[in-house]
Each structure stands twice: as C-alpha cells, then as structure tokens.
Amino acid sequence: MTDGDGSSLTGTGKILQVVSTEESTWTTASGYTPVSMNLGVTITPTSTSNRLLFLVDLNGLYAPSTSQSIELEVHKDSTLVKFIDGHGTSNMAAYAANCSYNFLVDVTSTSSQTWDIMGTTTSGGTWGWCNYSSGGNERTLCTLTILEIAQ
C-alpha cells in the first residue's frame, strides 16, 4: 500500500515542492538594464544537498527589428545567477516568438529566496513579452515553475 502524498518516499529524485507563477499581460520595456518579466516566485529549499529544476516558458516575445536580440537572465534575490539566452529572437523581426528553457541549479541556502526571469536587449530598444497571438484576442502565457528535487 502506498501513501497518497508521497511523504514516505525516500531517495534521489523525489519532488519535495513545486512553486509556479504565470504572466499573460502584454508588457514592453526598453533600455540596457535588465527588467523583471513579472515571473518572480519564492521558494524555501529544505536542504542544501538538493537541486532546483527550472521550467521556463516564454511566449509572445517581441523584438521590432532584425538588429535587436533579447537577452534573458535568471536572478535570485535581485542578483544575476545564470544567463539563459543571449540571443532570443536574434536576426528576425519577431512578434510572437516562443522560448522554453529547462535547467538545474544547486541549492546553496535553505533561506527563503525569490527567483525571477529578467530581460533586456542588445540595442537598448523596445522589446516585450506576452504579445497577442495572431489568431484572436487571447494573450500568450509566460510561466516559471521551480521544483525542489531531493539529491
């Protein structure tokens, strides 16, 4: 017989907790300073021996010219931790580009920590996310999900 919540499971690979957020508001930014894509989530890891699995889906990325690339970063408590794309929508005028990223990060603290996806452009020009889809009035959806994985 097994428990329904997995609390008796042990060993590497057990999912200990999941936090997630989503954003569907069409938003634009400009300039060279990275800005939040409104995907901040807070997690308090249970052990420094665990890892965090990031699932990032960014839809409706907008760059108005082929000379502009979107640069994407992961920040923890407002500090850059990882570059995840230095050339999103590079070399194309994209009005609804979609990008997905999956990666692991080592847990370095069991304190509460806020993670966010930040972006900017190589040209300092206007860019955006959650652009309208071409099929109607619905908006695209961006998500950040973090899973704490036992190691």
C-alpha atoms as a PDB file:
ATOM      1  CA  MET A   1       0.000   0.000   0.000  1.00  0.00           C
ATOM      2  CA  THR A   2       1.270   3.498  -0.766  1.00  0.00           C
ATOM      3  CA  ASP A   3       0.539   6.886   0.716  1.00  0.00           C
ATOM      4  CA  GLY A   4      -1.312   9.426  -1.406  1.00  0.00           C
ATOM      5  CA  ASP A   5       1.024  12.376  -0.935  1.00  0.00           C
ATOM      6  CA  GLY A   6       4.404  10.701  -1.400  1.00  0.00           C
ATOM      7  CA  SER A   7       5.568  11.648   2.094  1.00  0.00           C
ATOM      8  CA  SER A   8       7.011   8.178   2.737  1.00  0.00           C
ATOM      9  CA  LEU A   9       9.096   8.201  -0.448  1.00  0.00           C
ATOM     10  CA  THR A  10      12.836   8.464   0.033  1.00  0.00           C
ATOM     11  CA  GLY A  11      15.888   8.811  -2.127  1.00  0.00           C
ATOM     12  CA  THR A  12      17.242  10.810  -5.007  1.00  0.00           C
ATOM     13  CA  GLY A  13      14.774  12.320  -7.431  1.00  0.00           C
ATOM     14  CA  LYS A  14      11.823  12.827  -5.102  1.00  0.00           C
ATOM     15  CA  ILE A  15       9.994  16.078  -5.820  1.00  0.00           C
ATOM     16  CA  LEU A  16       9.838  17.885  -2.496  1.00  0.00           C
ATOM     17  CA  GLN A  17       7.948  21.018  -3.511  1.00  0.00           C
ATOM     18  CA  VAL A  18       6.728  22.906  -6.554  1.00  0.00           C
ATOM     19  CA  VAL A  19       6.215  26.669  -6.929  1.00  0.00           C
ATOM     20  CA  SER A  20       4.903  28.282 -10.061  1.00  0.00           C
ATOM     21  CA  THR A  21       3.691  31.572 -11.483  1.00  0.00           C
ATOM     22  CA  GLU A  22       2.309  32.787 -14.771  1.00  0.00           C
ATOM     23  CA  GLU A  23       2.005  36.078 -16.605  1.00  0.00           C
ATOM     24  CA  SER A  24      -0.266  36.956 -19.520  1.00  0.00           C
ATOM     25  CA  THR A  25      -0.167  40.769 -19.525  1.00  0.00           C
ATOM     26  CA  TRP A  26       1.343  42.286 -22.673  1.00  0.00           C
ATOM     27  CA  THR A  27       4.328  44.239 -21.364  1.00  0.00           C
ATOM     28  CA  THR A  28       7.070  46.247 -23.059  1.00  0.00           C
ATOM     29  CA  ALA A  29      10.394  47.544 -21.822  1.00  0.00           C
ATOM     30  CA  SER A  30      13.402  49.360 -23.250  1.00  0.00           C
ATOM     31  CA  GLY A  31      16.945  50.205 -22.305  1.00  0.00           C
ATOM     32  CA  TYR A  32      20.028  48.177 -21.456  1.00  0.00           C
ATOM     33  CA  THR A  33      19.176  47.445 -17.801  1.00  0.00           C
ATOM     34  CA  PRO A  34      17.505  44.044 -17.253  1.00  0.00           C
ATOM     35  CA  VAL A  35      13.877  44.254 -16.098  1.00  0.00           C
ATOM     36  CA  SER A  36      11.661  41.693 -14.387  1.00  0.00           C
ATOM     37  CA  MET A  37       9.309  39.759 -16.643  1.00  0.00           C
ATOM     38  CA  ASN A  38       6.861  39.561 -13.694  1.00  0.00           C
ATOM     39  CA  LEU A  39       7.590  35.879 -13.089  1.00  0.00           C
ATOM     40  CA  GLY A  40       9.036  36.087  -9.571  1.00  0.00           C
ATOM     41  CA  VAL A  41       8.445  33.083  -7.294  1.00  0.00           C
ATOM     42  CA  THR A  42       9.593  32.453  -3.732  1.00  0.00           C
ATOM     43  CA  ILE A  43      10.811  29.076  -2.517  1.00  0.00           C
ATOM     44  CA  THR A  44      12.408  27.927   0.733  1.00  0.00           C
ATOM     45  CA  PRO A  45      14.551  24.861  -0.029  1.00  0.00           C
ATOM     46  CA  THR A  46      14.622  22.114   2.595  1.00  0.00           C
ATOM     47  CA  SER A  47      18.286  21.100   2.182  1.00  0.00           C
ATOM     48  CA  THR A  48      21.462  22.452   0.593  1.00  0.00           C
ATOM     49  CA  SER A  49      22.130  18.991  -0.850  1.00  0.00           C
ATOM     50  CA  ASN A  50      19.072  19.290  -3.131  1.00  0.00           C
ATOM     51  CA  ARG A  51      18.734  20.876  -6.560  1.00  0.00           C
ATOM     52  CA  LEU A  52      16.165  23.184  -8.122  1.00  0.00           C
ATOM     53  CA  LEU A  53      14.732  22.268 -11.525  1.00  0.00           C
ATOM     54  CA  PHE A  54      13.603  25.324 -13.502  1.00  0.00           C
ATOM     55  CA  LEU A  55      10.937  25.077 -16.205  1.00  0.00           C
ATOM     56  CA  VAL A  56      10.691  28.388 -18.076  1.00  0.00           C
ATOM     57  CA  ASP A  57       8.244  29.047 -20.919  1.00  0.00           C
ATOM     58  CA  LEU A  58       8.276  32.492 -22.516  1.00  0.00           C
ATOM     59  CA  ASN A  59       5.700  33.161 -25.197  1.00  0.00           C
ATOM     60  CA  GLY A  60       4.926  36.161 -27.313  1.00  0.00           C
ATOM     61  CA  LEU A  61       8.432  37.629 -27.203  1.00  0.00           C
ATOM     62  CA  TYR A  62       8.577  40.778 -29.300  1.00  0.00           C
ATOM     63  CA  ALA A  63      11.544  42.483 -30.941  1.00  0.00           C
ATOM     64  CA  PRO A  64      10.759  45.008 -33.689  1.00  0.00           C
ATOM     65  CA  SER A  65      13.872  44.623 -35.838  1.00  0.00           C
ATOM     66  CA  THR A  66      16.419  42.104 -37.046  1.00  0.00           C
ATOM     67  CA  SER A  67      19.209  44.100 -35.399  1.00  0.00           C
ATOM     68  CA  GLN A  68      17.796  43.574 -31.903  1.00  0.00           C
ATOM     69  CA  SER A  69      18.270  40.496 -29.712  1.00  0.00           C
ATOM     70  CA  ILE A  70      16.563  39.788 -26.401  1.00  0.00           C
ATOM     71  CA  GLU A  71      18.872  38.695 -23.577  1.00  0.00           C
ATOM     72  CA  LEU A  72      17.358  36.578 -20.794  1.00  0.00           C
ATOM     73  CA  GLU A  73      18.737  36.024 -17.279  1.00  0.00           C
ATOM     74  CA  VAL A  74      17.819  34.246 -14.034  1.00  0.00           C
ATOM     75  CA  HIS A  75      18.104  36.301 -10.847  1.00  0.00           C
ATOM     76  CA  LYS A  76      17.933  35.157  -7.222  1.00  0.00           C
ATOM     77  CA  ASP A  77      17.060  37.894  -4.733  1.00  0.00           C
ATOM     78  CA  SER A  78      17.882  40.501  -7.419  1.00  0.00           C
ATOM     79  CA  THR A  79      21.344  39.018  -8.135  1.00  0.00           C
ATOM     80  CA  LEU A  80      22.276  37.543 -11.518  1.00  0.00           C
ATOM     81  CA  VAL A  81      22.766  33.768 -11.227  1.00  0.00           C
ATOM     82  CA  LYS A  82      22.603  32.499 -14.807  1.00  0.00           C
ATOM     83  CA  PHE A  83      22.309  33.707 -18.384  1.00  0.00           C
ATOM     84  CA  ILE A  84      19.745  31.558 -20.182  1.00  0.00           C
ATOM     85  CA  ASP A  85      19.721  33.146 -23.638  1.00  0.00           C
ATOM     86  CA  GLY A  86      21.885  35.847 -25.124  1.00  0.00           C
ATOM     87  CA  HIS A  87      20.191  35.948 -28.498  1.00  0.00           C
ATOM     88  CA  GLY A  88      16.455  35.293 -28.100  1.00  0.00           C
ATOM     89  CA  THR A  89      14.695  36.424 -31.281  1.00  0.00           C
ATOM     90  CA  SER A  90      18.087  37.212 -32.825  1.00  0.00           C
ATOM     91  CA  ASN A  91      18.206  38.154 -36.501  1.00  0.00           C
ATOM     92  CA  MET A  92      14.467  38.278 -37.044  1.00  0.00           C
ATOM     93  CA  ALA A  93      11.637  40.702 -36.501  1.00  0.00           C
ATOM     94  CA  ALA A  94       9.599  38.541 -34.123  1.00  0.00           C
ATOM     95  CA  TYR A  95       6.174  39.435 -32.838  1.00  0.00           C
ATOM     96  CA  ALA A  96       5.281  36.172 -31.134  1.00  0.00           C
ATOM     97  CA  ALA A  97       8.471  34.156 -30.673  1.00  0.00           C
ATOM     98  CA  ASN A  98       8.369  31.361 -28.093  1.00  0.00           C
ATOM     99  CA  CYS A  99      11.245  30.015 -25.998  1.00  0.00           C
ATOM    100  CA  SER A 100      11.452  27.213 -23.417  1.00  0.00           C
ATOM    101  CA  TYR A 101      14.327  26.511 -21.044  1.00  0.00           C
ATOM    102  CA  ASN A 102      14.935  23.723 -18.517  1.00  0.00           C
ATOM    103  CA  PHE A 103      17.948  23.650 -16.204  1.00  0.00           C
ATOM    104  CA  LEU A 104      19.135  22.638 -12.726  1.00  0.00           C
ATOM    105  CA  VAL A 105      20.589  24.926 -10.063  1.00  0.00           C
ATOM    106  CA  ASP A 106      22.336  23.746  -6.880  1.00  0.00           C
ATOM    107  CA  VAL A 107      20.692  24.803  -3.619  1.00  0.00           C
ATOM    108  CA  THR A 108      23.139  26.941  -1.649  1.00  0.00           C
ATOM    109  CA  SER A 109      20.855  28.084   1.172  1.00  0.00           C
ATOM    110  CA  THR A 110      17.726  26.952   2.990  1.00  0.00           C
ATOM    111  CA  SER A 111      16.611  30.555   3.445  1.00  0.00           C
ATOM    112  CA  SER A 112      13.598  31.894   1.611  1.00  0.00           C
ATOM    113  CA  GLN A 113      14.686  33.064  -1.845  1.00  0.00           C
ATOM    114  CA  THR A 114      12.918  34.828  -4.690  1.00  0.00           C
ATOM    115  CA  TRP A 115      13.769  33.814  -8.246  1.00  0.00           C
ATOM    116  CA  ASP A 116      12.837  35.827 -11.340  1.00  0.00           C
ATOM    117  CA  ILE A 117      13.395  35.924 -15.080  1.00  0.00           C
ATOM    118  CA  MET A 118      14.834  39.236 -16.281  1.00  0.00           C
ATOM    119  CA  GLY A 119      15.372  40.534 -19.794  1.00  0.00           C
ATOM    120  CA  THR A 120      16.911  43.321 -21.831  1.00  0.00           C
ATOM    121  CA  THR A 121      18.044  43.914 -25.407  1.00  0.00           C
ATOM    122  CA  THR A 122      21.369  44.241 -27.142  1.00  0.00           C
ATOM    123  CA  SER A 123      20.253  47.506 -28.739  1.00  0.00           C
ATOM    124  CA  GLY A 124      18.546  49.148 -25.757  1.00  0.00           C
ATOM    125  CA  GLY A 125      15.396  49.427 -27.855  1.00  0.00           C
ATOM    126  CA  THR A 126      11.834  48.429 -27.082  1.00  0.00           C
ATOM    127  CA  TRP A 127      11.026  44.747 -26.588  1.00  0.00           C
ATOM    128  CA  GLY A 128       8.187  42.858 -24.957  1.00  0.00           C
ATOM    129  CA  TRP A 129       6.581  39.620 -23.823  1.00  0.00           C
ATOM    130  CA  CYS A 130       3.108  38.068 -23.761  1.00  0.00           C
ATOM    131  CA  ASN A 131       2.318  39.647 -27.128  1.00  0.00           C
ATOM    132  CA  TYR A 132      -1.074  38.955 -28.674  1.00  0.00           C
ATOM    133  CA  SER A 133      -1.345  35.760 -30.645  1.00  0.00           C
ATOM    134  CA  SER A 134      -2.080  36.106 -34.324  1.00  0.00           C
ATOM    135  CA  GLY A 135      -5.261  34.002 -34.046  1.00  0.00           C
ATOM    136  CA  GLY A 136      -7.546  36.201 -31.985  1.00  0.00           C
ATOM    137  CA  ASN A 137      -7.958  38.199 -28.821  1.00  0.00           C
ATOM    138  CA  GLU A 138      -6.369  35.709 -26.426  1.00  0.00           C
ATOM    139  CA  ARG A 139      -2.989  36.549 -24.955  1.00  0.00           C
ATOM    140  CA  THR A 140       0.067  34.370 -24.770  1.00  0.00           C
ATOM    141  CA  LEU A 141       1.210  32.940 -21.444  1.00  0.00           C
ATOM    142  CA  CYS A 142       4.655  33.013 -19.805  1.00  0.00           C
ATOM    143  CA  THR A 143       5.393  30.679 -16.878  1.00  0.00           C
ATOM    144  CA  LEU A 144       8.131  29.925 -14.357  1.00  0.00           C
ATOM    145  CA  THR A 145       7.940  26.674 -12.388  1.00  0.00           C
ATOM    146  CA  ILE A 146      10.591  25.574  -9.880  1.00  0.00           C
ATOM    147  CA  LEU A 147      10.736  22.049  -8.431  1.00  0.00           C
ATOM    148  CA  GLU A 148      12.924  21.147  -5.470  1.00  0.00           C
ATOM    149  CA  ILE A 149      14.455  17.737  -6.190  1.00  0.00           C
ATOM    150  CA  ALA A 150      15.961  15.533  -3.442  1.00  0.00           C
ATOM    151  CA  GLN A 151      19.564  14.504  -4.061  1.00  0.00           C
END
